[in-house]
N, C-alpha and C. Protein backbone atom coordinates (compact mmCIF):
# COMPACT_ATOMS: atom_id res chain seq x y z
N UNK A 1 120.35 105.78 88.88
CA UNK A 1 121.07 105.41 87.69
C UNK A 1 121.79 104.08 87.85
N UNK A 2 122.35 103.84 89.03
CA UNK A 2 123.09 102.60 89.24
C UNK A 2 122.16 101.40 89.10
N UNK A 3 121.01 101.45 89.78
CA UNK A 3 120.07 100.32 89.72
C UNK A 3 119.61 100.10 88.29
N UNK A 4 119.29 101.17 87.57
CA UNK A 4 118.81 101.04 86.20
C UNK A 4 119.84 100.48 85.25
N UNK A 5 121.12 100.65 85.55
CA UNK A 5 122.19 100.17 84.67
C UNK A 5 122.49 98.69 84.87
N UNK A 6 122.00 98.11 85.94
CA UNK A 6 122.27 96.70 86.23
C UNK A 6 121.32 95.84 85.41
N UNK A 7 121.86 94.91 84.64
CA UNK A 7 121.04 94.07 83.77
C UNK A 7 120.29 92.98 84.52
N UNK A 8 120.92 92.20 85.38
CA UNK A 8 120.14 91.22 86.14
C UNK A 8 119.19 91.94 87.10
N UNK A 9 118.25 91.18 87.63
CA UNK A 9 117.30 91.74 88.60
C UNK A 9 118.06 92.24 89.83
N UNK A 10 117.72 93.43 90.29
CA UNK A 10 118.41 94.02 91.44
C UNK A 10 117.40 94.62 92.40
N UNK A 11 117.75 94.57 93.66
CA UNK A 11 116.92 95.19 94.69
C UNK A 11 117.76 96.12 95.54
N UNK A 12 117.20 97.27 95.85
CA UNK A 12 117.83 98.21 96.76
C UNK A 12 117.16 98.03 98.11
N UNK A 13 117.96 97.74 99.13
CA UNK A 13 117.44 97.49 100.46
C UNK A 13 117.91 98.61 101.38
N UNK A 14 117.00 99.11 102.20
CA UNK A 14 117.34 100.19 103.13
C UNK A 14 116.58 100.01 104.43
N UNK A 15 117.26 100.24 105.51
CA UNK A 15 116.64 100.29 106.82
C UNK A 15 116.66 101.75 107.24
N UNK A 16 115.49 102.30 107.47
CA UNK A 16 115.39 103.73 107.75
C UNK A 16 114.77 103.99 109.12
N UNK A 17 115.17 105.08 109.70
CA UNK A 17 114.56 105.60 110.92
C UNK A 17 114.05 106.99 110.56
N UNK A 18 112.77 107.07 110.24
CA UNK A 18 112.24 108.32 109.71
C UNK A 18 112.85 108.58 108.35
N UNK A 19 113.47 109.73 108.19
CA UNK A 19 114.10 110.08 106.92
C UNK A 19 115.57 109.68 106.87
N UNK A 20 116.07 109.09 107.95
CA UNK A 20 117.48 108.72 108.03
C UNK A 20 117.70 107.28 107.60
N UNK A 21 118.62 107.06 106.67
CA UNK A 21 119.01 105.70 106.28
C UNK A 21 120.02 105.19 107.30
N UNK A 22 119.69 104.09 107.96
CA UNK A 22 120.60 103.49 108.92
C UNK A 22 121.54 102.49 108.26
N UNK A 23 121.02 101.75 107.29
CA UNK A 23 121.82 100.75 106.57
C UNK A 23 121.23 100.59 105.17
N UNK A 24 122.12 100.36 104.20
CA UNK A 24 121.68 100.18 102.81
C UNK A 24 122.55 99.13 102.14
N UNK A 25 121.99 98.52 101.10
CA UNK A 25 122.76 97.63 100.25
C UNK A 25 122.00 97.39 98.94
N UNK A 26 122.73 96.93 97.95
CA UNK A 26 122.15 96.52 96.68
C UNK A 26 122.38 95.02 96.55
N UNK A 27 121.34 94.29 96.19
CA UNK A 27 121.44 92.85 95.97
C UNK A 27 121.07 92.57 94.51
N UNK A 28 121.94 91.89 93.81
CA UNK A 28 121.70 91.53 92.42
C UNK A 28 121.46 90.03 92.36
N UNK A 29 120.35 89.65 91.74
CA UNK A 29 120.02 88.24 91.57
C UNK A 29 120.24 87.88 90.11
N UNK A 30 121.05 86.86 89.87
CA UNK A 30 121.35 86.41 88.51
C UNK A 30 121.41 84.88 88.53
N UNK A 31 120.31 84.25 88.16
CA UNK A 31 120.25 82.79 88.16
C UNK A 31 120.33 82.24 89.57
N UNK A 32 121.33 81.40 89.81
CA UNK A 32 121.45 80.82 91.15
C UNK A 32 122.42 81.60 92.04
N UNK A 33 122.80 82.81 91.60
CA UNK A 33 123.74 83.63 92.37
C UNK A 33 123.09 84.92 92.86
N UNK A 34 123.54 85.36 94.02
CA UNK A 34 123.16 86.68 94.54
C UNK A 34 124.44 87.42 94.88
N UNK A 35 124.56 88.64 94.44
CA UNK A 35 125.71 89.48 94.77
C UNK A 35 125.28 90.64 95.64
N UNK A 36 126.03 90.89 96.69
CA UNK A 36 125.76 92.02 97.57
C UNK A 36 126.76 93.13 97.29
N UNK A 37 126.25 94.34 97.11
CA UNK A 37 127.08 95.48 96.76
C UNK A 37 126.74 96.67 97.65
N UNK A 38 127.72 97.54 97.83
CA UNK A 38 127.50 98.81 98.52
C UNK A 38 126.84 98.62 99.89
N UNK A 39 127.27 97.60 100.61
CA UNK A 39 126.75 97.37 101.96
C UNK A 39 127.31 98.47 102.86
N UNK A 40 126.41 99.21 103.51
CA UNK A 40 126.86 100.32 104.35
C UNK A 40 125.92 100.51 105.53
N UNK A 41 126.50 100.83 106.67
CA UNK A 41 125.73 101.16 107.86
C UNK A 41 126.25 102.49 108.39
N UNK A 42 125.34 103.40 108.70
CA UNK A 42 125.72 104.70 109.24
C UNK A 42 126.51 104.49 110.53
N UNK A 43 127.54 105.29 110.72
CA UNK A 43 128.41 105.14 111.91
C UNK A 43 127.60 105.13 113.21
N UNK A 44 126.58 105.96 113.28
CA UNK A 44 125.80 106.06 114.52
C UNK A 44 124.92 104.83 114.76
N UNK A 45 124.77 103.99 113.74
CA UNK A 45 123.87 102.83 113.85
C UNK A 45 124.61 101.50 113.85
N UNK A 46 125.92 101.54 113.94
CA UNK A 46 126.70 100.30 113.88
C UNK A 46 126.61 99.51 115.19
N UNK A 47 126.87 98.22 115.08
CA UNK A 47 126.86 97.28 116.22
C UNK A 47 125.49 97.14 116.87
N UNK A 48 124.45 97.31 116.07
CA UNK A 48 123.08 97.15 116.57
C UNK A 48 122.31 96.10 115.78
N UNK A 49 122.99 95.40 114.87
CA UNK A 49 122.35 94.34 114.11
C UNK A 49 121.66 94.79 112.84
N UNK A 50 121.73 96.09 112.52
CA UNK A 50 121.03 96.58 111.33
C UNK A 50 121.61 96.01 110.04
N UNK A 51 122.92 95.99 109.92
CA UNK A 51 123.54 95.43 108.72
C UNK A 51 123.21 93.95 108.55
N UNK A 52 123.29 93.21 109.64
CA UNK A 52 122.97 91.78 109.61
C UNK A 52 121.53 91.57 109.15
N UNK A 53 120.59 92.30 109.73
CA UNK A 53 119.18 92.14 109.36
C UNK A 53 118.93 92.49 107.90
N UNK A 54 119.59 93.53 107.42
CA UNK A 54 119.41 93.93 106.03
C UNK A 54 119.99 92.87 105.08
N UNK A 55 121.16 92.35 105.41
CA UNK A 55 121.77 91.30 104.59
C UNK A 55 120.87 90.07 104.56
N UNK A 56 120.37 89.67 105.72
CA UNK A 56 119.48 88.50 105.76
C UNK A 56 118.22 88.72 104.94
N UNK A 57 117.67 89.92 104.97
CA UNK A 57 116.49 90.23 104.15
C UNK A 57 116.81 90.14 102.67
N UNK A 58 117.96 90.69 102.28
CA UNK A 58 118.35 90.66 100.87
C UNK A 58 118.60 89.22 100.41
N UNK A 59 119.25 88.42 101.24
CA UNK A 59 119.51 87.03 100.87
C UNK A 59 118.21 86.24 100.76
N UNK A 60 117.25 86.52 101.61
CA UNK A 60 115.95 85.85 101.51
C UNK A 60 115.26 86.25 100.21
N UNK A 61 115.29 87.53 99.88
CA UNK A 61 114.71 88.04 98.63
C UNK A 61 115.31 87.29 97.44
N UNK A 62 116.64 87.15 97.43
CA UNK A 62 117.32 86.47 96.33
C UNK A 62 117.01 84.98 96.33
N UNK A 63 116.97 84.37 97.50
CA UNK A 63 116.67 82.93 97.61
C UNK A 63 115.28 82.63 97.06
N UNK A 64 114.31 83.49 97.34
CA UNK A 64 112.95 83.29 96.84
C UNK A 64 112.88 83.40 95.31
N UNK A 65 113.91 83.98 94.71
CA UNK A 65 113.99 84.12 93.26
C UNK A 65 114.90 83.06 92.63
N UNK A 66 115.40 82.13 93.44
CA UNK A 66 116.18 81.03 92.91
C UNK A 66 117.66 81.03 93.23
N UNK A 67 118.15 82.05 93.91
CA UNK A 67 119.58 82.09 94.25
C UNK A 67 119.91 81.00 95.27
N UNK A 68 121.01 80.33 95.07
CA UNK A 68 121.46 79.28 95.98
C UNK A 68 122.80 79.62 96.62
N UNK A 69 123.52 80.56 96.04
CA UNK A 69 124.80 81.00 96.58
C UNK A 69 124.86 82.51 96.52
N UNK A 70 125.68 83.08 97.41
CA UNK A 70 125.83 84.53 97.44
C UNK A 70 127.31 84.88 97.53
N UNK A 71 127.63 86.06 97.03
CA UNK A 71 129.01 86.53 97.09
C UNK A 71 129.01 88.03 97.36
N UNK A 72 130.14 88.52 97.81
CA UNK A 72 130.33 89.94 98.03
C UNK A 72 131.82 90.23 98.01
N UNK A 73 132.15 91.50 98.02
CA UNK A 73 133.54 91.93 98.10
C UNK A 73 133.68 92.84 99.30
N UNK A 74 134.81 92.75 99.96
CA UNK A 74 135.06 93.59 101.12
C UNK A 74 136.56 93.87 101.18
N UNK A 75 136.91 95.06 101.63
CA UNK A 75 138.32 95.38 101.78
C UNK A 75 138.92 94.55 102.90
N UNK A 76 140.13 94.07 102.69
CA UNK A 76 140.78 93.14 103.63
C UNK A 76 141.00 93.75 105.01
N UNK A 77 141.05 95.08 105.10
CA UNK A 77 141.29 95.71 106.40
C UNK A 77 140.00 96.13 107.11
N UNK A 78 138.85 95.76 106.56
CA UNK A 78 137.56 96.10 107.18
C UNK A 78 137.18 94.99 108.16
N UNK A 79 137.83 95.00 109.31
CA UNK A 79 137.69 93.91 110.29
C UNK A 79 136.24 93.73 110.75
N UNK A 80 135.50 94.79 111.09
CA UNK A 80 134.11 94.57 111.52
C UNK A 80 133.25 93.91 110.44
N UNK A 81 133.41 94.34 109.19
CA UNK A 81 132.63 93.74 108.11
C UNK A 81 133.03 92.28 107.90
N UNK A 82 134.31 91.99 107.96
CA UNK A 82 134.77 90.61 107.81
C UNK A 82 134.16 89.72 108.89
N UNK A 83 134.11 90.22 110.12
CA UNK A 83 133.52 89.44 111.21
C UNK A 83 132.03 89.20 110.97
N UNK A 84 131.33 90.23 110.51
CA UNK A 84 129.90 90.08 110.22
C UNK A 84 129.68 89.05 109.13
N UNK A 85 130.40 89.18 108.03
CA UNK A 85 130.20 88.25 106.90
C UNK A 85 130.56 86.82 107.30
N UNK A 86 131.63 86.67 108.07
CA UNK A 86 132.01 85.33 108.53
C UNK A 86 130.90 84.73 109.41
N UNK A 87 130.32 85.55 110.27
CA UNK A 87 129.25 85.05 111.15
C UNK A 87 128.01 84.65 110.37
N UNK A 88 127.87 85.17 109.15
CA UNK A 88 126.75 84.82 108.29
C UNK A 88 127.07 83.65 107.36
N UNK A 89 128.28 83.09 107.51
CA UNK A 89 128.65 81.92 106.72
C UNK A 89 129.48 82.19 105.49
N UNK A 90 129.82 83.45 105.24
CA UNK A 90 130.67 83.76 104.09
C UNK A 90 132.10 83.35 104.39
N UNK A 91 132.81 82.90 103.36
CA UNK A 91 134.21 82.51 103.48
C UNK A 91 135.02 83.24 102.43
N UNK A 92 136.27 83.53 102.76
CA UNK A 92 137.15 84.15 101.77
C UNK A 92 137.50 83.10 100.72
N UNK A 93 137.32 83.47 99.47
CA UNK A 93 137.62 82.57 98.36
C UNK A 93 138.93 82.98 97.70
N UNK A 94 139.13 84.27 97.52
CA UNK A 94 140.38 84.76 96.94
C UNK A 94 140.53 86.24 97.25
N UNK A 95 141.73 86.74 97.01
CA UNK A 95 142.04 88.16 97.17
C UNK A 95 142.57 88.70 95.85
N UNK A 96 142.38 89.97 95.67
CA UNK A 96 142.98 90.65 94.53
C UNK A 96 143.32 92.06 94.96
N UNK A 97 144.09 92.75 94.16
CA UNK A 97 144.44 94.13 94.48
C UNK A 97 144.48 94.94 93.20
N UNK A 98 144.38 96.24 93.38
CA UNK A 98 144.43 97.17 92.27
C UNK A 98 145.81 97.79 92.19
N UNK A 99 146.24 98.09 90.98
CA UNK A 99 147.52 98.76 90.78
C UNK A 99 147.29 100.04 90.00
N UNK A 100 148.11 101.04 90.31
CA UNK A 100 148.06 102.31 89.60
C UNK A 100 149.49 102.70 89.23
N UNK A 101 149.61 103.41 88.13
CA UNK A 101 150.94 103.91 87.80
C UNK A 101 151.38 104.93 88.86
N UNK A 102 152.68 105.04 89.10
CA UNK A 102 153.17 106.02 90.07
C UNK A 102 152.62 107.42 89.74
N UNK A 103 152.22 108.14 90.79
CA UNK A 103 151.72 109.50 90.60
C UNK A 103 150.25 109.60 90.26
N UNK A 104 149.53 108.49 90.18
CA UNK A 104 148.09 108.49 89.85
C UNK A 104 147.27 108.04 91.05
N UNK A 105 147.47 108.71 92.17
CA UNK A 105 146.76 108.31 93.38
C UNK A 105 145.51 109.11 93.57
């Protein structure tokens, strides 16, 4: 349902070991932009380069369709992900935060 609801062209990328998904992400291509969403690596498969390889594959897919820049969102306290994205050339552009009324947690 998520992929079908996305209007720009989107690709679902997965690295699997048999029936087990080791890493997954969604890449949306829209003109000269590529957005990476839902980047995830199974805890048992972390620190083995799977996330990096999947991101590079998704970026190549988008680049072949005309994307020249890419963006993503990551939580500020996700230190391993921040290190990975930085090593791939991503830079922090801005931060934002969500607010909720008291008692709506």
